[in-house]
PDB file of N, CA and C in Angstrom:
ATOM      1  N   MET A   1      13.389  -5.904   7.438  1.00  0.00           N
ATOM      2  CA  MET A   1      12.915  -4.767   6.684  1.00  0.00           C
ATOM      3  C   MET A   1      12.400  -5.213   5.320  1.00  0.00           C
ATOM      4  N   PHE A   2      13.104  -6.155   4.715  1.00  0.00           N
ATOM      5  CA  PHE A   2      12.713  -6.640   3.394  1.00  0.00           C
ATOM      6  C   PHE A   2      11.317  -7.252   3.416  1.00  0.00           C
ATOM      7  N   TRP A   3      11.094  -8.172   4.357  1.00  0.00           N
ATOM      8  CA  TRP A   3       9.815  -8.877   4.395  1.00  0.00           C
ATOM      9  C   TRP A   3       8.671  -7.952   4.761  1.00  0.00           C
ATOM     10  N   LEU A   4       8.897  -7.058   5.703  1.00  0.00           N
ATOM     11  CA  LEU A   4       7.833  -6.137   6.108  1.00  0.00           C
ATOM     12  C   LEU A   4       7.441  -5.195   4.972  1.00  0.00           C
ATOM     13  N   SER A   5       8.424  -4.651   4.296  1.00  0.00           N
ATOM     14  CA  SER A   5       8.103  -3.730   3.205  1.00  0.00           C
ATOM     15  C   SER A   5       7.489  -4.478   2.019  1.00  0.00           C
ATOM     16  N   LEU A   6       7.921  -5.690   1.776  1.00  0.00           N
ATOM     17  CA  LEU A   6       7.340  -6.476   0.686  1.00  0.00           C
ATOM     18  C   LEU A   6       5.873  -6.792   0.969  1.00  0.00           C
ATOM     19  N   LEU A   7       5.597  -7.313   2.151  1.00  0.00           N
ATOM     20  CA  LEU A   7       4.216  -7.654   2.502  1.00  0.00           C
ATOM     21  C   LEU A   7       3.331  -6.413   2.597  1.00  0.00           C
ATOM     22  N   GLY A   8       3.860  -5.344   3.171  1.00  0.00           N
ATOM     23  CA  GLY A   8       3.091  -4.114   3.271  1.00  0.00           C
ATOM     24  C   GLY A   8       2.782  -3.516   1.912  1.00  0.00           C
ATOM     25  N   GLY A   9       3.749  -3.535   1.012  1.00  0.00           N
ATOM     26  CA  GLY A   9       3.537  -3.008  -0.331  1.00  0.00           C
ATOM     27  C   GLY A   9       2.508  -3.809  -1.099  1.00  0.00           C
ATOM     28  N   ILE A  10       2.583  -5.123  -1.013  1.00  0.00           N
ATOM     29  CA  ILE A  10       1.613  -5.973  -1.692  1.00  0.00           C
ATOM     30  C   ILE A  10       0.221  -5.753  -1.121  1.00  0.00           C
ATOM     31  N   TYR A  11       0.108  -5.679   0.204  1.00  0.00           N
ATOM     32  CA  TYR A  11      -1.188  -5.469   0.834  1.00  0.00           C
ATOM     33  C   TYR A  11      -1.812  -4.136   0.421  1.00  0.00           C
ATOM     34  N   LEU A  12      -1.010  -3.076   0.422  1.00  0.00           N
ATOM     35  CA  LEU A  12      -1.552  -1.768   0.076  1.00  0.00           C
ATOM     36  C   LEU A  12      -1.969  -1.695  -1.389  1.00  0.00           C
ATOM     37  N   ILE A  13      -1.215  -2.292  -2.265  1.00  0.00           N
ATOM     38  CA  ILE A  13      -1.593  -2.281  -3.682  1.00  0.00           C
ATOM     39  C   ILE A  13      -2.874  -3.083  -3.901  1.00  0.00           C
ATOM     40  N   ILE A  14      -2.992  -4.233  -3.270  1.00  0.00           N
ATOM     41  CA  ILE A  14      -4.214  -5.034  -3.415  1.00  0.00           C
ATOM     42  C   ILE A  14      -5.407  -4.293  -2.818  1.00  0.00           C
ATOM     43  N   SER A  15      -5.225  -3.677  -1.650  1.00  0.00           N
ATOM     44  CA  SER A  15      -6.318  -2.917  -1.044  1.00  0.00           C
ATOM     45  C   SER A  15      -6.706  -1.721  -1.907  1.00  0.00           C
ATOM     46  N   GLY A  16      -5.722  -1.065  -2.491  1.00  0.00           N
ATOM     47  CA  GLY A  16      -6.007   0.079  -3.342  1.00  0.00           C
ATOM     48  C   GLY A  16      -6.753  -0.309  -4.603  1.00  0.00           C
ATOM     49  N   LEU A  17      -6.370  -1.417  -5.202  1.00  0.00           N
ATOM     50  CA  LEU A  17      -7.026  -1.855  -6.427  1.00  0.00           C
ATOM     51  C   LEU A  17      -8.411  -2.432  -6.181  1.00  0.00           C
ATOM     52  N   SER A  18      -8.594  -3.101  -5.044  1.00  0.00           N
ATOM     53  CA  SER A  18      -9.892  -3.709  -4.761  1.00  0.00           C
ATOM     54  C   SER A  18     -10.906  -2.703  -4.221  1.00  0.00           C
ATOM     55  N   GLY A  19     -10.423  -1.624  -3.614  1.00  0.00           N
ATOM     56  CA  GLY A  19     -11.341  -0.612  -3.086  1.00  0.00           C
ATOM     57  C   GLY A  19     -12.006  -1.011  -1.790  1.00  0.00           C
ATOM     58  N   LYS A  20     -11.429  -1.957  -1.089  1.00  0.00           N
ATOM     59  CA  LYS A  20     -11.994  -2.388   0.186  1.00  0.00           C
ATOM     60  C   LYS A  20     -11.015  -2.060   1.295  1.00  0.00           C
ATOM     61  N   GLY A  21     -11.537  -1.873   2.457  1.00  0.00           N
ATOM     62  CA  GLY A  21     -10.690  -1.590   3.600  1.00  0.00           C
ATOM     63  C   GLY A  21     -11.283  -0.496   4.458  1.00  0.00           C
ATOM     64  N   ARG A  22     -10.683  -0.318   5.583  1.00  0.00           N
ATOM     65  CA  ARG A  22     -11.195   0.640   6.550  1.00  0.00           C
ATOM     66  C   ARG A  22     -11.076   2.081   6.059  1.00  0.00           C
ATOM     67  N   ALA A  23     -10.088   2.371   5.257  1.00  0.00           N
ATOM     68  CA  ALA A  23      -9.871   3.739   4.782  1.00  0.00           C
ATOM     69  C   ALA A  23     -10.938   4.185   3.794  1.00  0.00           C
ATOM     70  N   TYR A  24     -11.710   3.269   3.266  1.00  0.00           N
ATOM     71  CA  TYR A  24     -12.746   3.621   2.304  1.00  0.00           C
ATOM     72  C   TYR A  24     -14.084   3.947   2.978  1.00  0.00           C
ATOM     73  N   ARG A  25     -14.088   4.030   4.281  1.00  0.00           N
ATOM     74  CA  ARG A  25     -15.302   4.388   5.015  1.00  0.00           C
ATOM     75  C   ARG A  25     -15.025   5.611   5.888  1.00  0.00           C
ATOM     76  N   SER A  26     -16.050   6.427   6.082  1.00  0.00           N
ATOM     77  CA  SER A  26     -15.902   7.604   6.937  1.00  0.00           C
ATOM     78  C   SER A  26     -15.968   7.171   8.405  1.00  0.00           C
ATOM     79  N   LYS A  27     -15.810   8.125   9.298  1.00  0.00           N
ATOM     80  CA  LYS A  27     -15.867   7.805  10.729  1.00  0.00           C
ATOM     81  C   LYS A  27     -17.255   7.308  11.132  1.00  0.00           C
ATOM     82  N   MET A  28     -18.268   7.726  10.410  1.00  0.00           N
ATOM     83  CA  MET A  28     -19.639   7.302  10.703  1.00  0.00           C
ATOM     84  C   MET A  28     -19.960   5.935  10.105  1.00  0.00           C
ATOM     85  N   GLY A  29     -19.065   5.390   9.292  1.00  0.00           N
ATOM     86  CA  GLY A  29     -19.273   4.076   8.700  1.00  0.00           C
ATOM     87  C   GLY A  29     -19.882   4.106   7.318  1.00  0.00           C
ATOM     88  N   THR A  30     -20.131   5.285   6.791  1.00  0.00           N
ATOM     89  CA  THR A  30     -20.702   5.386   5.449  1.00  0.00           C
ATOM     90  C   THR A  30     -19.576   5.381   4.418  1.00  0.00           C
ATOM     91  N   PRO A  31     -19.859   4.903   3.224  1.00  0.00           N
ATOM     92  CA  PRO A  31     -18.823   4.902   2.181  1.00  0.00           C
ATOM     93  C   PRO A  31     -18.419   6.327   1.801  1.00  0.00           C
ATOM     94  N   LEU A  32     -17.186   6.485   1.364  1.00  0.00           N
ATOM     95  CA  LEU A  32     -16.690   7.790   0.941  1.00  0.00           C
ATOM     96  C   LEU A  32     -17.284   8.174  -0.407  1.00  0.00           C
ATOM     97  N   SER A  33     -17.255   9.464  -0.697  1.00  0.00           N
ATOM     98  CA  SER A  33     -17.709   9.918  -2.008  1.00  0.00           C
ATOM     99  C   SER A  33     -16.704   9.479  -3.067  1.00  0.00           C
ATOM    100  N   GLY A  34     -17.064   9.637  -4.325  1.00  0.00           N
ATOM    101  CA  GLY A  34     -16.212   9.181  -5.423  1.00  0.00           C
ATOM    102  C   GLY A  34     -14.851   9.841  -5.438  1.00  0.00           C
ATOM    103  N   LYS A  35     -14.821  11.152  -5.217  1.00  0.00           N
ATOM    104  CA  LYS A  35     -13.549  11.885  -5.247  1.00  0.00           C
ATOM    105  C   LYS A  35     -12.653  11.475  -4.074  1.00  0.00           C
ATOM    106  N   GLU A  36     -13.252  11.331  -2.902  1.00  0.00           N
ATOM    107  CA  GLU A  36     -12.464  10.923  -1.732  1.00  0.00           C
ATOM    108  C   GLU A  36     -11.954   9.495  -1.883  1.00  0.00           C
ATOM    109  N   ALA A  37     -12.779   8.603  -2.417  1.00  0.00           N
ATOM    110  CA  ALA A  37     -12.351   7.217  -2.626  1.00  0.00           C
ATOM    111  C   ALA A  37     -11.217   7.146  -3.644  1.00  0.00           C
ATOM    112  N   LYS A  38     -11.276   7.981  -4.671  1.00  0.00           N
ATOM    113  CA  LYS A  38     -10.209   8.008  -5.668  1.00  0.00           C
ATOM    114  C   LYS A  38      -8.904   8.486  -5.041  1.00  0.00           C
ATOM    115  N   THR A  39      -8.985   9.483  -4.150  1.00  0.00           N
ATOM    116  CA  THR A  39      -7.797   9.984  -3.455  1.00  0.00           C
ATOM    117  C   THR A  39      -7.187   8.898  -2.578  1.00  0.00           C
ATOM    118  N   VAL A  40      -8.025   8.173  -1.853  1.00  0.00           N
ATOM    119  CA  VAL A  40      -7.539   7.085  -0.998  1.00  0.00           C
ATOM    120  C   VAL A  40      -6.889   6.005  -1.857  1.00  0.00           C
ATOM    121  N   LYS A  41      -7.478   5.699  -2.991  1.00  0.00           N
ATOM    122  CA  LYS A  41      -6.932   4.682  -3.895  1.00  0.00           C
ATOM    123  C   LYS A  41      -5.553   5.089  -4.397  1.00  0.00           C
ATOM    124  N   ILE A  42      -5.404   6.344  -4.795  1.00  0.00           N
ATOM    125  CA  ILE A  42      -4.110   6.831  -5.285  1.00  0.00           C
ATOM    126  C   ILE A  42      -3.062   6.778  -4.184  1.00  0.00           C
ATOM    127  N   ILE A  43      -3.442   7.166  -2.971  1.00  0.00           N
ATOM    128  CA  ILE A  43      -2.500   7.137  -1.845  1.00  0.00           C
ATOM    129  C   ILE A  43      -2.084   5.706  -1.532  1.00  0.00           C
ATOM    130  N   TYR A  44      -3.044   4.784  -1.477  1.00  0.00           N
ATOM    131  CA  TYR A  44      -2.717   3.383  -1.192  1.00  0.00           C
ATOM    132  C   TYR A  44      -1.755   2.824  -2.231  1.00  0.00           C
ATOM    133  N   ILE A  45      -2.033   3.053  -3.501  1.00  0.00           N
ATOM    134  CA  ILE A  45      -1.196   2.492  -4.556  1.00  0.00           C
ATOM    135  C   ILE A  45       0.190   3.134  -4.551  1.00  0.00           C
ATOM    136  N   SER A  46       0.263   4.457  -4.358  1.00  0.00           N
ATOM    137  CA  SER A  46       1.581   5.107  -4.372  1.00  0.00           C
ATOM    138  C   SER A  46       2.435   4.686  -3.181  1.00  0.00           C
ATOM    139  N   VAL A  47       1.844   4.564  -2.006  1.00  0.00           N
ATOM    140  CA  VAL A  47       2.607   4.103  -0.842  1.00  0.00           C
ATOM    141  C   VAL A  47       3.018   2.641  -1.027  1.00  0.00           C
ATOM    142  N   GLY A  48       2.158   1.833  -1.626  1.00  0.00           N
ATOM    143  CA  GLY A  48       2.505   0.444  -1.911  1.00  0.00           C
ATOM    144  C   GLY A  48       3.682   0.333  -2.860  1.00  0.00           C
ATOM    145  N   ILE A  49       3.712   1.187  -3.889  1.00  0.00           N
ATOM    146  CA  ILE A  49       4.830   1.179  -4.831  1.00  0.00           C
ATOM    147  C   ILE A  49       6.116   1.610  -4.141  1.00  0.00           C
ATOM    148  N   ILE A  50       6.032   2.608  -3.287  1.00  0.00           N
ATOM    149  CA  ILE A  50       7.227   3.056  -2.543  1.00  0.00           C
ATOM    150  C   ILE A  50       7.750   1.928  -1.654  1.00  0.00           C
ATOM    151  N   LEU A  51       6.845   1.215  -0.991  1.00  0.00           N
ATOM    152  CA  LEU A  51       7.278   0.098  -0.146  1.00  0.00           C
ATOM    153  C   LEU A  51       7.897  -1.028  -0.972  1.00  0.00           C
ATOM    154  N   LEU A  52       7.386  -1.263  -2.164  1.00  0.00           N
ATOM    155  CA  LEU A  52       7.999  -2.285  -3.018  1.00  0.00           C
ATOM    156  C   LEU A  52       9.384  -1.863  -3.485  1.00  0.00           C
ATOM    157  N   ILE A  53       9.586  -0.581  -3.743  1.00  0.00           N
ATOM    158  CA  ILE A  53      10.923  -0.086  -4.101  1.00  0.00           C
ATOM    159  C   ILE A  53      11.882  -0.273  -2.934  1.00  0.00           C
ATOM    160  N   ILE A  54      11.410   0.026  -1.733  1.00  0.00           N
ATOM    161  CA  ILE A  54      12.235  -0.193  -0.539  1.00  0.00           C
ATOM    162  C   ILE A  54      12.554  -1.677  -0.388  1.00  0.00           C
ATOM    163  N   ALA A  55      11.582  -2.545  -0.673  1.00  0.00           N
ATOM    164  CA  ALA A  55      11.812  -3.988  -0.581  1.00  0.00           C
ATOM    165  C   ALA A  55      12.872  -4.443  -1.573  1.00  0.00           C
ATOM    166  N   VAL A  56      12.877  -3.851  -2.763  1.00  0.00           N
ATOM    167  CA  VAL A  56      13.892  -4.226  -3.757  1.00  0.00           C
ATOM    168  C   VAL A  56      15.284  -3.875  -3.242  1.00  0.00           C
ATOM    169  N   PHE A  57      15.461  -2.654  -2.762  1.00  0.00           N
ATOM    170  CA  PHE A  57      16.784  -2.258  -2.275  1.00  0.00           C
ATOM    171  C   PHE A  57      17.175  -3.029  -1.020  1.00  0.00           C
ATOM    172  N   SER A  58      16.235  -3.299  -0.132  1.00  0.00           N
ATOM    173  CA  SER A  58      16.541  -4.087   1.061  1.00  0.00           C
ATOM    174  C   SER A  58      16.881  -5.526   0.690  1.00  0.00           C
ATOM    175  N   GLY A  59      16.163  -6.059  -0.290  1.00  0.00           N
ATOM    176  CA  GLY A  59      16.441  -7.418  -0.741  1.00  0.00           C
ATOM    177  C   GLY A  59      17.800  -7.547  -1.380  1.00  0.00           C
ATOM    178  N   ILE A  60      18.182  -6.550  -2.162  1.00  0.00           N
ATOM    179  CA  ILE A  60      19.518  -6.567  -2.766  1.00  0.00           C
ATOM    180  C   ILE A  60      20.581  -6.555  -1.678  1.00  0.00           C
ATOM    181  N   GLU A  61      20.387  -5.713  -0.680  1.00  0.00           N
ATOM    182  CA  GLU A  61      21.355  -5.648   0.413  1.00  0.00           C
ATOM    183  C   GLU A  61      21.366  -6.909   1.241  1.00  0.00           C
ATOM    184  N   LEU A  62      20.196  -7.484   1.474  1.00  0.00           N
ATOM    185  CA  LEU A  62      20.074  -8.685   2.309  1.00  0.00           C
ATOM    186  C   LEU A  62      20.678  -9.905   1.625  1.00  0.00           C
ATOM    187  N   PHE A  63      20.355 -10.093   0.348  1.00  0.00           N
ATOM    188  CA  PHE A  63      20.752 -11.303  -0.349  1.00  0.00           C
ATOM    189  C   PHE A  63      22.105 -11.201  -1.052  1.00  0.00           C
ATOM    190  N   SER A  64      22.685 -10.016  -1.111  1.00  0.00           N
ATOM    191  CA  SER A  64      23.998  -9.905  -1.740  1.00  0.00           C
ATOM    192  C   SER A  64      25.111 -10.338  -0.797  1.00  0.00           C
ATOM    193  N   GLY A  65      24.855 -10.335   0.499  1.00  0.00           N
ATOM    194  CA  GLY A  65      25.830 -10.816   1.467  1.00  0.00           C
ATOM    195  C   GLY A  65      26.908  -9.812   1.814  1.00  0.00           C
ATOM    196  N   GLU A  66      26.735  -8.590   1.445  1.00  0.00           N
ATOM    197  CA  GLU A  66      27.755  -7.583   1.739  1.00  0.00           C
ATOM    198  C   GLU A  66      27.406  -6.813   2.973  1.00  0.00           C
TER     199      GLU A  66
END
């Protein structure tokens, strides 16, 4: 759980900040409008932060040995 959430969180934050990825295109393959792209960026970054928080708690549990 620790490694998956860590890698997933890092990937989503990088994708959100770079603005590249499949979510930034419509079903027809055209780029999203500015407002839609901003919404996707906010969602990517917020989900990435949540996954990093989960990674912190999972890492504490994993590496504490309890």
